[in-house]
Amino acid sequence: MGKRKKSSRKPAGPRKKDPLETNFTCLFCHHDKSVSVRIDRKEGVAQLFCKVCDQRYQSKANHLTEPIDIYSEWIDAADAAEREAITTRRPVASSSRPARAPSVGSDED
């Protein structure tokens, strides 16, 4: 009993790459596939905009940048802006006097 010859197998061709998404869900209005990303590699600029609520984001792009990268940057920028807004808010108005602690052994009735 001999081994099978490897030459009997045909070489596999190159695999087809599935194209990546360019339409995403909006963070603000939550519509599916309403956010489009356009990348101008010649200018080095990427633009993201929502067709429903007209949210916009612009970022630098290079020859390796993909639409999902711009969408991820937008999510990060929105989270950072939200965190910054929370830290810069004024505290709720309160009395400047300290609160009185209840006394434990009070004899008042």
N, C-alpha and C. Protein backbone atom coordinates (compact mmCIF):
# COMPACT_ATOMS: atom_id res chain seq x y z
N MET A 1 0.83 -1.17 0.00
CA MET A 1 0.00 0.00 0.00
C MET A 1 0.88 1.24 0.00
N GLY A 2 0.68 2.04 -0.96
CA GLY A 2 1.48 3.25 -1.08
C GLY A 2 0.69 4.50 -0.71
N LYS A 3 1.41 5.56 -0.56
CA LYS A 3 0.77 6.85 -0.23
C LYS A 3 0.18 7.45 -1.49
N ARG A 4 -0.80 8.34 -1.27
CA ARG A 4 -1.36 9.05 -2.41
C ARG A 4 -0.39 10.12 -2.85
N LYS A 5 -0.39 10.36 -4.12
CA LYS A 5 0.50 11.37 -4.65
C LYS A 5 -0.06 12.75 -4.37
N LYS A 6 0.79 13.66 -3.95
CA LYS A 6 0.36 15.03 -3.67
C LYS A 6 0.09 15.78 -4.97
N SER A 7 0.63 15.34 -6.05
CA SER A 7 0.42 16.03 -7.31
C SER A 7 -1.00 15.83 -7.82
N SER A 8 -1.74 14.88 -7.25
CA SER A 8 -3.11 14.66 -7.70
C SER A 8 -4.06 15.74 -7.16
N ARG A 9 -3.65 16.43 -6.11
CA ARG A 9 -4.48 17.52 -5.58
C ARG A 9 -4.24 18.78 -6.39
N LYS A 10 -5.32 19.49 -6.66
CA LYS A 10 -5.19 20.73 -7.41
C LYS A 10 -4.88 21.86 -6.43
N PRO A 11 -4.07 22.82 -6.86
CA PRO A 11 -3.76 23.94 -5.96
C PRO A 11 -4.99 24.80 -5.71
N ALA A 12 -5.11 25.24 -4.47
CA ALA A 12 -6.25 26.09 -4.11
C ALA A 12 -6.00 27.51 -4.63
N GLY A 13 -7.03 28.11 -5.17
CA GLY A 13 -6.92 29.47 -5.68
C GLY A 13 -6.99 30.47 -4.54
N PRO A 14 -6.76 31.72 -4.85
CA PRO A 14 -6.83 32.73 -3.79
C PRO A 14 -8.27 32.87 -3.25
N ARG A 15 -8.38 33.04 -1.96
CA ARG A 15 -9.69 33.17 -1.34
C ARG A 15 -10.24 34.57 -1.57
N LYS A 16 -11.55 34.63 -1.76
CA LYS A 16 -12.19 35.92 -1.96
C LYS A 16 -12.38 36.60 -0.61
N LYS A 17 -12.02 37.87 -0.55
CA LYS A 17 -12.22 38.64 0.67
C LYS A 17 -13.61 39.25 0.64
N ASP A 18 -14.32 39.14 1.76
CA ASP A 18 -15.61 39.78 1.86
C ASP A 18 -15.39 41.27 2.11
N PRO A 19 -16.11 42.13 1.42
CA PRO A 19 -15.92 43.57 1.65
C PRO A 19 -16.40 43.96 3.05
N LEU A 20 -15.70 44.91 3.66
CA LEU A 20 -16.07 45.38 4.98
C LEU A 20 -17.24 46.34 4.89
N GLU A 21 -17.98 46.44 5.98
CA GLU A 21 -19.14 47.33 6.04
C GLU A 21 -18.72 48.80 5.94
N THR A 22 -19.54 49.60 5.32
CA THR A 22 -19.32 51.05 5.29
C THR A 22 -20.51 51.78 5.90
N ASN A 23 -21.59 51.07 6.24
CA ASN A 23 -22.76 51.65 6.87
C ASN A 23 -22.93 51.04 8.25
N PHE A 24 -23.19 51.91 9.26
CA PHE A 24 -23.23 51.46 10.64
C PHE A 24 -24.45 52.03 11.35
N THR A 25 -24.64 51.62 12.61
CA THR A 25 -25.72 52.11 13.45
C THR A 25 -25.30 53.41 14.12
N CYS A 26 -26.21 54.38 14.16
CA CYS A 26 -25.91 55.68 14.77
C CYS A 26 -25.95 55.57 16.29
N LEU A 27 -25.00 56.21 16.96
CA LEU A 27 -24.94 56.22 18.42
C LEU A 27 -26.05 57.06 19.02
N PHE A 28 -26.49 58.08 18.31
CA PHE A 28 -27.41 59.05 18.87
C PHE A 28 -28.88 58.74 18.55
N CYS A 29 -29.17 58.37 17.31
CA CYS A 29 -30.57 58.10 16.94
C CYS A 29 -30.86 56.59 16.85
N HIS A 30 -29.86 55.75 16.90
CA HIS A 30 -29.99 54.29 16.92
C HIS A 30 -30.65 53.69 15.68
N HIS A 31 -30.55 54.36 14.55
CA HIS A 31 -31.05 53.79 13.29
C HIS A 31 -29.98 52.89 12.69
N ASP A 32 -30.40 51.74 12.20
CA ASP A 32 -29.47 50.81 11.57
C ASP A 32 -29.06 51.31 10.19
N LYS A 33 -27.81 51.15 9.88
CA LYS A 33 -27.24 51.49 8.57
C LYS A 33 -27.55 52.93 8.13
N SER A 34 -27.58 53.84 9.08
CA SER A 34 -27.82 55.23 8.74
C SER A 34 -26.53 56.05 8.72
N VAL A 35 -25.45 55.49 9.27
CA VAL A 35 -24.17 56.18 9.32
C VAL A 35 -23.29 55.70 8.18
N SER A 36 -22.87 56.63 7.35
CA SER A 36 -21.99 56.31 6.22
C SER A 36 -20.61 56.89 6.46
N VAL A 37 -19.60 56.18 5.99
CA VAL A 37 -18.21 56.64 6.12
C VAL A 37 -17.63 56.78 4.72
N ARG A 38 -17.04 57.93 4.46
CA ARG A 38 -16.35 58.17 3.19
C ARG A 38 -14.92 58.53 3.49
N ILE A 39 -14.01 57.87 2.80
CA ILE A 39 -12.58 58.12 3.02
C ILE A 39 -11.99 58.67 1.74
N ASP A 40 -11.38 59.83 1.84
CA ASP A 40 -10.67 60.44 0.72
C ASP A 40 -9.18 60.25 1.00
N ARG A 41 -8.62 59.22 0.42
CA ARG A 41 -7.22 58.88 0.70
C ARG A 41 -6.26 59.92 0.12
N LYS A 42 -6.66 60.54 -0.98
CA LYS A 42 -5.80 61.54 -1.60
C LYS A 42 -5.67 62.77 -0.69
N GLU A 43 -6.78 63.20 -0.10
CA GLU A 43 -6.77 64.34 0.82
C GLU A 43 -6.34 63.94 2.23
N GLY A 44 -6.47 62.65 2.56
CA GLY A 44 -6.12 62.18 3.90
C GLY A 44 -7.17 62.51 4.94
N VAL A 45 -8.44 62.52 4.50
CA VAL A 45 -9.55 62.88 5.38
C VAL A 45 -10.63 61.82 5.29
N ALA A 46 -11.21 61.48 6.45
CA ALA A 46 -12.34 60.56 6.49
C ALA A 46 -13.52 61.29 7.11
N GLN A 47 -14.71 61.12 6.52
CA GLN A 47 -15.92 61.78 7.01
C GLN A 47 -16.96 60.74 7.34
N LEU A 48 -17.62 60.94 8.47
CA LEU A 48 -18.68 60.05 8.92
C LEU A 48 -19.91 60.93 9.15
N PHE A 49 -21.07 60.50 8.65
CA PHE A 49 -22.28 61.28 8.89
C PHE A 49 -23.49 60.37 8.94
N CYS A 50 -24.46 60.79 9.76
CA CYS A 50 -25.72 60.06 9.89
C CYS A 50 -26.76 60.70 8.97
N LYS A 51 -27.44 59.90 8.20
CA LYS A 51 -28.44 60.40 7.26
C LYS A 51 -29.72 60.84 7.96
N VAL A 52 -29.96 60.31 9.17
CA VAL A 52 -31.21 60.60 9.88
C VAL A 52 -31.08 61.82 10.78
N CYS A 53 -30.09 61.81 11.69
CA CYS A 53 -29.98 62.90 12.66
C CYS A 53 -28.89 63.91 12.32
N ASP A 54 -28.22 63.72 11.19
CA ASP A 54 -27.21 64.66 10.68
C ASP A 54 -26.01 64.85 11.61
N GLN A 55 -25.69 63.82 12.38
CA GLN A 55 -24.46 63.85 13.19
C GLN A 55 -23.28 63.72 12.24
N ARG A 56 -22.20 64.44 12.53
CA ARG A 56 -21.02 64.41 11.66
C ARG A 56 -19.76 64.23 12.49
N TYR A 57 -18.76 63.60 11.87
CA TYR A 57 -17.46 63.41 12.49
C TYR A 57 -16.43 63.39 11.37
N GLN A 58 -15.29 64.01 11.61
CA GLN A 58 -14.23 64.05 10.61
C GLN A 58 -12.92 63.69 11.28
N SER A 59 -12.08 62.93 10.57
CA SER A 59 -10.83 62.47 11.14
C SER A 59 -9.77 62.35 10.04
N LYS A 60 -8.53 62.26 10.48
CA LYS A 60 -7.45 62.04 9.52
C LYS A 60 -7.45 60.58 9.08
N ALA A 61 -7.02 60.35 7.87
CA ALA A 61 -6.98 58.99 7.33
C ALA A 61 -5.67 58.78 6.60
N ASN A 62 -5.23 57.54 6.55
CA ASN A 62 -4.05 57.19 5.76
C ASN A 62 -4.39 56.02 4.84
N HIS A 63 -3.42 55.44 4.21
CA HIS A 63 -3.69 54.39 3.23
C HIS A 63 -4.16 53.08 3.87
N LEU A 64 -3.98 52.93 5.19
CA LEU A 64 -4.42 51.72 5.88
C LEU A 64 -5.79 51.87 6.55
N THR A 65 -6.33 53.07 6.58
CA THR A 65 -7.58 53.34 7.28
C THR A 65 -8.76 52.69 6.57
N GLU A 66 -9.61 52.03 7.37
CA GLU A 66 -10.83 51.40 6.87
C GLU A 66 -12.02 52.10 7.53
N PRO A 67 -13.22 51.98 6.96
CA PRO A 67 -14.40 52.63 7.55
C PRO A 67 -14.67 52.23 9.00
N ILE A 68 -14.43 50.98 9.36
CA ILE A 68 -14.66 50.55 10.74
C ILE A 68 -13.72 51.27 11.70
N ASP A 69 -12.53 51.65 11.24
CA ASP A 69 -11.59 52.40 12.08
C ASP A 69 -12.15 53.79 12.41
N ILE A 70 -12.75 54.44 11.44
CA ILE A 70 -13.32 55.77 11.65
C ILE A 70 -14.53 55.67 12.57
N TYR A 71 -15.35 54.64 12.39
CA TYR A 71 -16.51 54.43 13.26
C TYR A 71 -16.06 54.20 14.70
N SER A 72 -15.02 53.43 14.89
CA SER A 72 -14.49 53.18 16.24
C SER A 72 -13.93 54.45 16.86
N GLU A 73 -13.25 55.27 16.07
CA GLU A 73 -12.74 56.55 16.57
C GLU A 73 -13.90 57.45 17.00
N TRP A 74 -14.99 57.43 16.24
CA TRP A 74 -16.17 58.23 16.56
C TRP A 74 -16.77 57.80 17.90
N ILE A 75 -16.86 56.50 18.11
CA ILE A 75 -17.38 55.98 19.37
C ILE A 75 -16.50 56.43 20.52
N ASP A 76 -15.18 56.31 20.36
CA ASP A 76 -14.24 56.73 21.40
C ASP A 76 -14.35 58.23 21.67
N ALA A 77 -14.47 59.04 20.63
CA ALA A 77 -14.58 60.48 20.79
C ALA A 77 -15.88 60.86 21.49
N ALA A 78 -16.97 60.16 21.18
CA ALA A 78 -18.25 60.44 21.82
C ALA A 78 -18.20 60.07 23.31
N ASP A 79 -17.55 58.94 23.64
CA ASP A 79 -17.40 58.54 25.04
C ASP A 79 -16.54 59.54 25.80
N ALA A 80 -15.46 60.01 25.18
CA ALA A 80 -14.57 60.98 25.83
C ALA A 80 -15.30 62.29 26.07
N ALA A 81 -16.11 62.73 25.11
CA ALA A 81 -16.85 63.98 25.26
C ALA A 81 -17.90 63.85 26.37
N GLU A 82 -18.52 62.68 26.47
CA GLU A 82 -19.51 62.46 27.52
C GLU A 82 -18.85 62.46 28.90
N ARG A 83 -17.70 61.82 29.02
CA ARG A 83 -16.97 61.81 30.30
C ARG A 83 -16.52 63.22 30.68
N GLU A 84 -16.08 63.99 29.69
CA GLU A 84 -15.64 65.36 29.95
C GLU A 84 -16.82 66.23 30.38
N ALA A 85 -17.97 66.03 29.78
CA ALA A 85 -19.16 66.80 30.14
C ALA A 85 -19.59 66.49 31.57
N ILE A 86 -19.45 65.26 31.98
CA ILE A 86 -19.83 64.88 33.34
C ILE A 86 -18.89 65.52 34.36
N THR A 87 -17.60 65.55 34.07
CA THR A 87 -16.64 66.10 35.03
C THR A 87 -16.69 67.62 35.09
N THR A 88 -17.15 68.29 34.04
CA THR A 88 -17.17 69.76 34.04
C THR A 88 -18.51 70.32 34.53
N ARG A 89 -19.47 69.47 34.80
CA ARG A 89 -20.76 69.95 35.30
C ARG A 89 -20.60 70.50 36.70
N ARG A 90 -21.40 71.51 37.00
CA ARG A 90 -21.39 72.07 38.34
C ARG A 90 -22.13 71.13 39.27
N PRO A 91 -21.69 71.03 40.51
CA PRO A 91 -22.40 70.16 41.44
C PRO A 91 -23.79 70.74 41.76
N VAL A 92 -24.66 69.89 42.21
CA VAL A 92 -26.01 70.30 42.55
C VAL A 92 -25.96 71.27 43.72
N ALA A 93 -26.77 72.31 43.67
CA ALA A 93 -26.77 73.31 44.74
C ALA A 93 -27.14 72.66 46.06
N SER A 94 -26.34 72.94 47.07
CA SER A 94 -26.61 72.38 48.38
C SER A 94 -26.28 73.43 49.43
N SER A 95 -26.69 73.18 50.61
CA SER A 95 -26.45 74.10 51.71
C SER A 95 -24.97 74.09 52.06
N SER A 96 -24.48 75.25 52.46
CA SER A 96 -23.06 75.33 52.82
C SER A 96 -22.83 74.85 54.25
N ARG A 97 -23.93 74.68 55.01
CA ARG A 97 -23.80 74.19 56.38
C ARG A 97 -23.71 72.68 56.38
N PRO A 98 -22.86 72.14 57.24
CA PRO A 98 -22.78 70.67 57.32
C PRO A 98 -24.05 70.11 57.93
N ALA A 99 -24.39 68.92 57.52
CA ALA A 99 -25.59 68.27 58.04
C ALA A 99 -25.35 67.85 59.48
N ARG A 100 -26.38 67.98 60.32
CA ARG A 100 -26.24 67.59 61.72
C ARG A 100 -26.37 66.09 61.83
N ALA A 101 -25.48 65.51 62.58
CA ALA A 101 -25.55 64.07 62.83
C ALA A 101 -26.57 63.82 63.93
N PRO A 102 -27.41 62.82 63.77
CA PRO A 102 -28.39 62.53 64.81
C PRO A 102 -27.67 62.07 66.08
N SER A 103 -28.13 62.57 67.21
CA SER A 103 -27.50 62.17 68.46
C SER A 103 -28.06 60.82 68.92
N VAL A 104 -27.19 59.99 69.43
CA VAL A 104 -27.56 58.63 69.79
C VAL A 104 -28.28 58.59 71.13
N GLY A 105 -27.76 59.25 72.11
CA GLY A 105 -28.33 59.13 73.46
C GLY A 105 -29.08 60.35 73.86
N SER A 106 -30.01 60.83 73.06
CA SER A 106 -30.72 62.04 73.44
C SER A 106 -31.87 61.69 74.37
N ASP A 107 -32.12 62.54 75.36
CA ASP A 107 -33.17 62.32 76.34
C ASP A 107 -34.39 63.17 76.05
N GLU A 108 -34.42 63.82 74.91
CA GLU A 108 -35.55 64.67 74.59
C GLU A 108 -36.72 63.83 74.11
N ASP A 109 -37.91 64.07 74.68
CA ASP A 109 -39.12 63.36 74.26
C ASP A 109 -40.19 64.30 73.88
